[in-house]
Amino acid sequence: MKDNFSSVADLYAQYRPSYPQKLFDFLYSIVRCHNNAWDVGTGNGQVAFELSKSFHQVMATDISQAQIDKALKVPNILYSVQPAEETNFPDDIFNLITVAQAIHWFDFERFYKEVVRVSKPDAVLCAIGYGVLRFHHPIDEVIQVFYKEIVGPYWDSERKYIDEAYKTIPFPFEEISSPELTISYNWTFAQLIGYFNTWSAVKHYMHDKQENPVDIIKPELHRYWGDAPALTVHFPVFMRTGVVQK
């Protein structure tokens, strides 16, 4: 698994979107026992924190110590630095395994083997992602040019799985139909800029060219934004959810 986010852990914790309550309600409705959950690639612990409200114990792993250092801490979340494909968890322990905006970085075959090993019979695996933000506003045109043309060449090859809404990832489990959801916020201009600065492609661009590509589009973004204190932003959520057969 690549570590593209340790260097932006502070920004990640501040600007990355969180997931709607309807997503968690869906998961709680299909998981029989709310004993142990594993949140893989936990980042700043957004999903782990929500799961901790319903599950007795949540194990949250990431390969980035910097991300875990910024994660939300509660007594029933145990954070650890471990790769998704090889953990020190015992066999047959988890009722639910979640992976939010991270499964595309994994070695699928090795990760799925680990999922089967650590899952209880009929455990649920849910891979969650969100696509490119939309304002339903002329500013979207600027964002699309930025995403596809300016930093487009700097996305890792795995980004294609996000663009394809995880429809093309291998998923060898008995699939459960998942609801269509959207993340929506009222964002200030500063929040939009902060979010762009969490993109791995922006980091790669900066490393290559020694300048921040966000600065290229800032003036045009500001012209479209105008004097509005905030605009409503939407992120389409997609999921692959399945029952783990032992």
Protein backbone atom coordinates (compact mmCIF):
# COMPACT_ATOMS: atom_id res chain seq x y z
CA MET A 1 0.00 0.00 0.00
CA LYS A 2 1.30 3.46 -0.90
CA ASP A 3 1.59 6.13 1.75
CA ASN A 4 0.51 9.32 -0.03
CA PHE A 5 -0.97 11.05 2.99
CA SER A 6 1.44 11.15 5.94
CA SER A 7 2.77 14.51 4.76
CA VAL A 8 -0.71 16.02 4.68
CA ALA A 9 -2.08 14.45 7.85
CA ASP A 10 -2.97 17.83 9.38
CA LEU A 11 -4.85 18.95 6.27
CA TYR A 12 -6.47 15.54 5.87
CA ALA A 13 -7.92 15.67 9.36
CA GLN A 14 -9.21 19.21 8.82
CA TYR A 15 -10.57 19.17 5.26
CA ARG A 16 -11.48 15.63 4.17
CA PRO A 17 -15.25 15.04 4.06
CA SER A 18 -16.94 12.66 6.50
CA TYR A 19 -19.67 10.19 5.62
CA PRO A 20 -23.45 10.59 6.09
CA GLN A 21 -25.29 8.92 8.94
CA LYS A 22 -27.41 6.99 6.43
CA LEU A 23 -24.31 5.03 5.46
CA PHE A 24 -23.75 3.85 9.01
CA ASP A 25 -27.44 3.12 9.53
CA PHE A 26 -27.28 0.88 6.46
CA LEU A 27 -24.26 -1.00 7.81
CA TYR A 28 -25.81 -1.42 11.24
CA SER A 29 -28.96 -2.85 9.66
CA ILE A 30 -27.11 -5.61 7.78
CA VAL A 31 -24.56 -6.65 10.43
CA ARG A 32 -26.01 -9.17 12.84
CA CYS A 33 -23.62 -8.72 15.76
CA HIS A 34 -22.07 -5.40 16.77
CA ASN A 35 -19.13 -6.79 18.68
CA ASN A 36 -15.88 -6.20 16.74
CA ALA A 37 -15.25 -4.01 13.70
CA TRP A 38 -12.07 -3.36 11.73
CA ASP A 39 -11.63 -0.05 9.91
CA VAL A 40 -8.83 -0.53 7.38
CA GLY A 41 -6.82 2.41 6.07
CA THR A 42 -8.47 4.44 8.79
CA GLY A 43 -6.64 7.71 8.07
CA ASN A 44 -7.84 10.22 10.65
CA GLY A 45 -10.33 7.73 12.10
CA GLN A 46 -13.56 9.28 10.78
CA VAL A 47 -15.25 5.96 10.10
CA ALA A 48 -13.76 4.24 13.14
CA PHE A 49 -15.15 6.99 15.36
CA GLU A 50 -18.67 6.51 14.00
CA LEU A 51 -18.44 2.72 14.32
CA SER A 52 -17.33 3.08 17.94
CA LYS A 53 -20.79 4.41 18.77
CA SER A 54 -22.37 1.08 17.85
CA PHE A 55 -19.64 -1.55 18.16
CA HIS A 56 -18.14 -2.84 21.38
CA GLN A 57 -14.59 -2.69 19.99
CA VAL A 58 -13.15 -1.08 16.85
CA MET A 59 -9.70 -1.93 15.53
CA ALA A 60 -8.42 0.82 13.22
CA THR A 61 -5.29 0.35 11.13
CA ASP A 62 -3.26 2.47 8.76
CA ILE A 63 0.28 2.40 7.40
CA SER A 64 0.73 6.06 8.37
CA GLN A 65 1.69 6.85 11.95
CA ALA A 66 1.21 10.54 11.15
CA GLN A 67 -2.42 9.92 10.22
CA ILE A 68 -3.08 7.86 13.34
CA ASP A 69 -1.49 10.55 15.51
CA LYS A 70 -4.22 12.93 14.26
CA ALA A 71 -7.05 10.39 14.57
CA LEU A 72 -10.10 10.78 16.77
CA LYS A 73 -9.49 8.98 20.06
CA VAL A 74 -12.12 7.19 22.17
CA PRO A 75 -11.61 4.31 24.63
CA ASN A 76 -13.08 1.55 22.43
CA ILE A 77 -10.97 2.29 19.33
CA LEU A 78 -7.59 0.58 19.22
CA TYR A 79 -5.33 2.16 16.60
CA SER A 80 -2.29 0.40 15.17
CA VAL A 81 0.14 0.85 12.30
CA GLN A 82 -0.32 -2.22 10.12
CA PRO A 83 -0.64 -2.96 6.41
CA ALA A 84 -4.07 -4.04 5.27
CA GLU A 85 -2.74 -7.24 3.73
CA GLU A 86 -1.01 -8.67 6.80
CA THR A 87 -2.16 -7.96 10.36
CA ASN A 88 -1.56 -9.43 13.79
CA PHE A 89 -5.29 -9.95 14.45
CA PRO A 90 -6.46 -13.44 15.41
CA ASP A 91 -8.64 -15.53 13.11
CA ASP A 92 -12.44 -15.20 13.11
CA ILE A 93 -12.78 -11.98 15.10
CA PHE A 94 -14.59 -9.28 13.08
CA ASN A 95 -18.29 -8.81 12.39
CA LEU A 96 -17.74 -5.81 10.10
CA ILE A 97 -14.78 -4.61 8.03
CA THR A 98 -14.85 -1.14 6.46
CA VAL A 99 -12.44 0.47 4.01
CA ALA A 100 -13.14 4.12 3.23
CA GLN A 101 -11.46 5.77 0.23
CA ALA A 102 -8.51 3.37 0.53
CA ILE A 103 -9.13 -0.07 -0.99
CA HIS A 104 -7.80 1.04 -4.37
CA TRP A 105 -4.33 1.28 -2.79
CA PHE A 106 -4.35 -2.34 -1.58
CA ASP A 107 -3.07 -5.57 -3.07
CA PHE A 108 -6.58 -6.93 -3.64
CA GLU A 109 -5.75 -10.64 -3.57
CA ARG A 110 -3.69 -10.47 -0.38
CA PHE A 111 -6.15 -8.13 1.35
CA TYR A 112 -9.15 -10.32 0.56
CA LYS A 113 -7.30 -13.36 1.88
CA GLU A 114 -6.72 -11.45 5.12
CA VAL A 115 -10.39 -10.39 5.23
CA VAL A 116 -11.50 -14.01 5.05
CA ARG A 117 -9.01 -15.03 7.74
CA VAL A 118 -10.06 -12.43 10.32
CA SER A 119 -13.82 -12.42 9.62
CA LYS A 120 -16.44 -14.27 11.57
CA PRO A 121 -18.89 -16.33 9.49
CA ASP A 122 -21.27 -14.00 7.61
CA ALA A 123 -19.25 -10.90 8.44
CA VAL A 124 -19.75 -7.90 6.16
CA LEU A 125 -17.07 -6.11 4.15
CA CYS A 126 -17.88 -2.62 2.90
CA ALA A 127 -15.57 -0.68 0.57
CA ILE A 128 -16.61 2.97 0.51
CA GLY A 129 -15.49 5.78 -1.75
CA TYR A 130 -16.50 9.21 -2.98
CA GLY A 131 -16.02 10.87 -6.33
CA VAL A 132 -15.04 14.31 -7.56
CA LEU A 133 -16.82 17.15 -5.80
CA ARG A 134 -19.59 19.09 -7.53
CA PHE A 135 -21.14 22.46 -6.73
CA HIS A 136 -23.72 22.42 -9.55
CA HIS A 137 -22.33 25.85 -10.32
CA PRO A 138 -20.03 27.25 -13.06
CA ILE A 139 -17.10 26.66 -10.70
CA ASP A 140 -17.38 22.97 -11.58
CA GLU A 141 -15.81 23.67 -14.99
CA VAL A 142 -12.67 25.03 -13.34
CA ILE A 143 -12.49 22.03 -11.02
CA GLN A 144 -12.80 19.58 -13.92
CA VAL A 145 -9.94 21.24 -15.81
CA PHE A 146 -7.84 21.16 -12.65
CA TYR A 147 -8.67 17.52 -11.96
CA LYS A 148 -8.22 16.17 -15.49
CA GLU A 149 -5.69 18.45 -17.15
CA ILE A 150 -3.53 20.33 -14.65
CA VAL A 151 -2.97 17.60 -12.05
CA GLY A 152 -4.44 14.78 -14.16
CA PRO A 153 -1.04 13.36 -15.17
CA TYR A 154 0.00 13.26 -11.52
CA TRP A 155 -2.70 10.93 -10.22
CA ASP A 156 -1.47 7.46 -9.28
CA SER A 157 -2.74 4.75 -11.60
CA GLU A 158 -4.99 3.44 -8.81
CA ARG A 159 -7.09 6.60 -9.04
CA LYS A 160 -8.92 5.02 -11.97
CA TYR A 161 -10.85 2.86 -9.50
CA ILE A 162 -12.29 6.01 -7.93
CA ASP A 163 -13.22 7.41 -11.33
CA GLU A 164 -14.96 4.10 -12.06
CA ALA A 165 -16.83 4.26 -8.71
CA TYR A 166 -15.23 0.94 -7.60
CA LYS A 167 -17.30 -0.91 -10.21
CA THR A 168 -14.14 -2.44 -11.69
CA ILE A 169 -12.36 -3.56 -8.53
CA PRO A 170 -12.33 -7.31 -7.94
CA PHE A 171 -14.89 -8.15 -5.27
CA PRO A 172 -15.17 -11.90 -4.62
CA PHE A 173 -17.98 -11.75 -2.07
CA GLU A 174 -21.73 -12.27 -2.06
CA GLU A 175 -22.76 -8.73 -2.88
CA ILE A 176 -25.42 -6.74 -1.05
CA SER A 177 -27.18 -3.88 -2.82
CA SER A 178 -26.01 -0.58 -1.35
CA PRO A 179 -27.92 2.71 -1.22
CA GLU A 180 -26.96 5.71 -3.35
CA LEU A 181 -25.77 8.46 -1.04
CA THR A 182 -24.28 11.94 -1.25
CA ILE A 183 -22.07 13.93 1.11
CA SER A 184 -23.13 17.59 1.16
CA TYR A 185 -21.63 20.58 2.96
CA ASN A 186 -21.74 24.35 2.93
CA TRP A 187 -18.09 25.19 2.29
CA THR A 188 -16.17 28.42 2.47
CA PHE A 189 -13.61 29.25 -0.19
CA ALA A 190 -10.83 28.46 2.31
CA GLN A 191 -12.26 24.99 2.88
CA LEU A 192 -12.27 24.29 -0.86
CA ILE A 193 -8.62 25.32 -1.15
CA GLY A 194 -7.72 23.28 1.92
CA TYR A 195 -9.39 20.21 0.44
CA PHE A 196 -7.49 20.56 -2.86
CA ASN A 197 -4.26 20.62 -0.90
CA THR A 198 -5.00 17.12 0.45
CA TRP A 199 -4.98 15.59 -3.05
CA SER A 200 -2.14 13.16 -3.69
CA ALA A 201 -1.87 14.47 -7.26
CA VAL A 202 -1.27 17.98 -5.92
CA LYS A 203 1.53 16.65 -3.73
CA HIS A 204 3.09 14.79 -6.70
CA TYR A 205 2.84 17.94 -8.86
CA MET A 206 4.55 20.01 -6.17
CA HIS A 207 7.34 17.48 -5.84
CA ASP A 208 7.90 17.55 -9.61
CA LYS A 209 7.53 21.26 -10.34
CA GLN A 210 8.34 22.86 -6.97
CA GLU A 211 5.13 24.90 -7.06
CA ASN A 212 1.58 24.40 -5.86
CA PRO A 213 -0.86 23.86 -8.75
CA VAL A 214 -3.72 25.10 -6.59
CA ASP A 215 -2.22 28.58 -6.94
CA ILE A 216 -2.74 28.33 -10.71
CA ILE A 217 -6.51 28.08 -10.44
CA LYS A 218 -7.06 30.17 -7.32
CA PRO A 219 -7.78 33.46 -9.13
CA GLU A 220 -10.28 31.87 -11.52
CA LEU A 221 -11.94 29.96 -8.70
CA HIS A 222 -12.28 33.20 -6.77
CA ARG A 223 -13.88 34.97 -9.75
CA TYR A 224 -16.53 32.28 -10.01
CA TRP A 225 -17.00 32.13 -6.25
CA GLY A 226 -17.63 35.83 -5.95
CA ASP A 227 -18.66 37.27 -2.60
CA ALA A 228 -20.60 34.21 -1.40
CA PRO A 229 -19.69 33.34 2.20
CA ALA A 230 -20.24 29.66 1.35
CA LEU A 231 -21.44 27.38 -1.44
CA THR A 232 -23.00 23.92 -1.21
CA VAL A 233 -20.67 21.15 -2.32
CA HIS A 234 -21.67 17.55 -3.08
CA PHE A 235 -19.60 14.37 -3.17
CA PRO A 236 -21.19 11.25 -4.73
CA VAL A 237 -20.71 8.23 -2.45
CA PHE A 238 -20.29 4.71 -3.84
CA MET A 239 -19.96 1.36 -2.08
CA ARG A 240 -19.27 -2.30 -2.66
CA THR A 241 -20.78 -4.32 0.17
CA GLY A 242 -20.64 -8.07 0.58
CA VAL A 243 -20.96 -11.03 2.93
CA VAL A 244 -17.70 -12.81 3.68
CA GLN A 245 -18.11 -16.54 3.13
CA LYS A 246 -15.81 -18.72 5.24
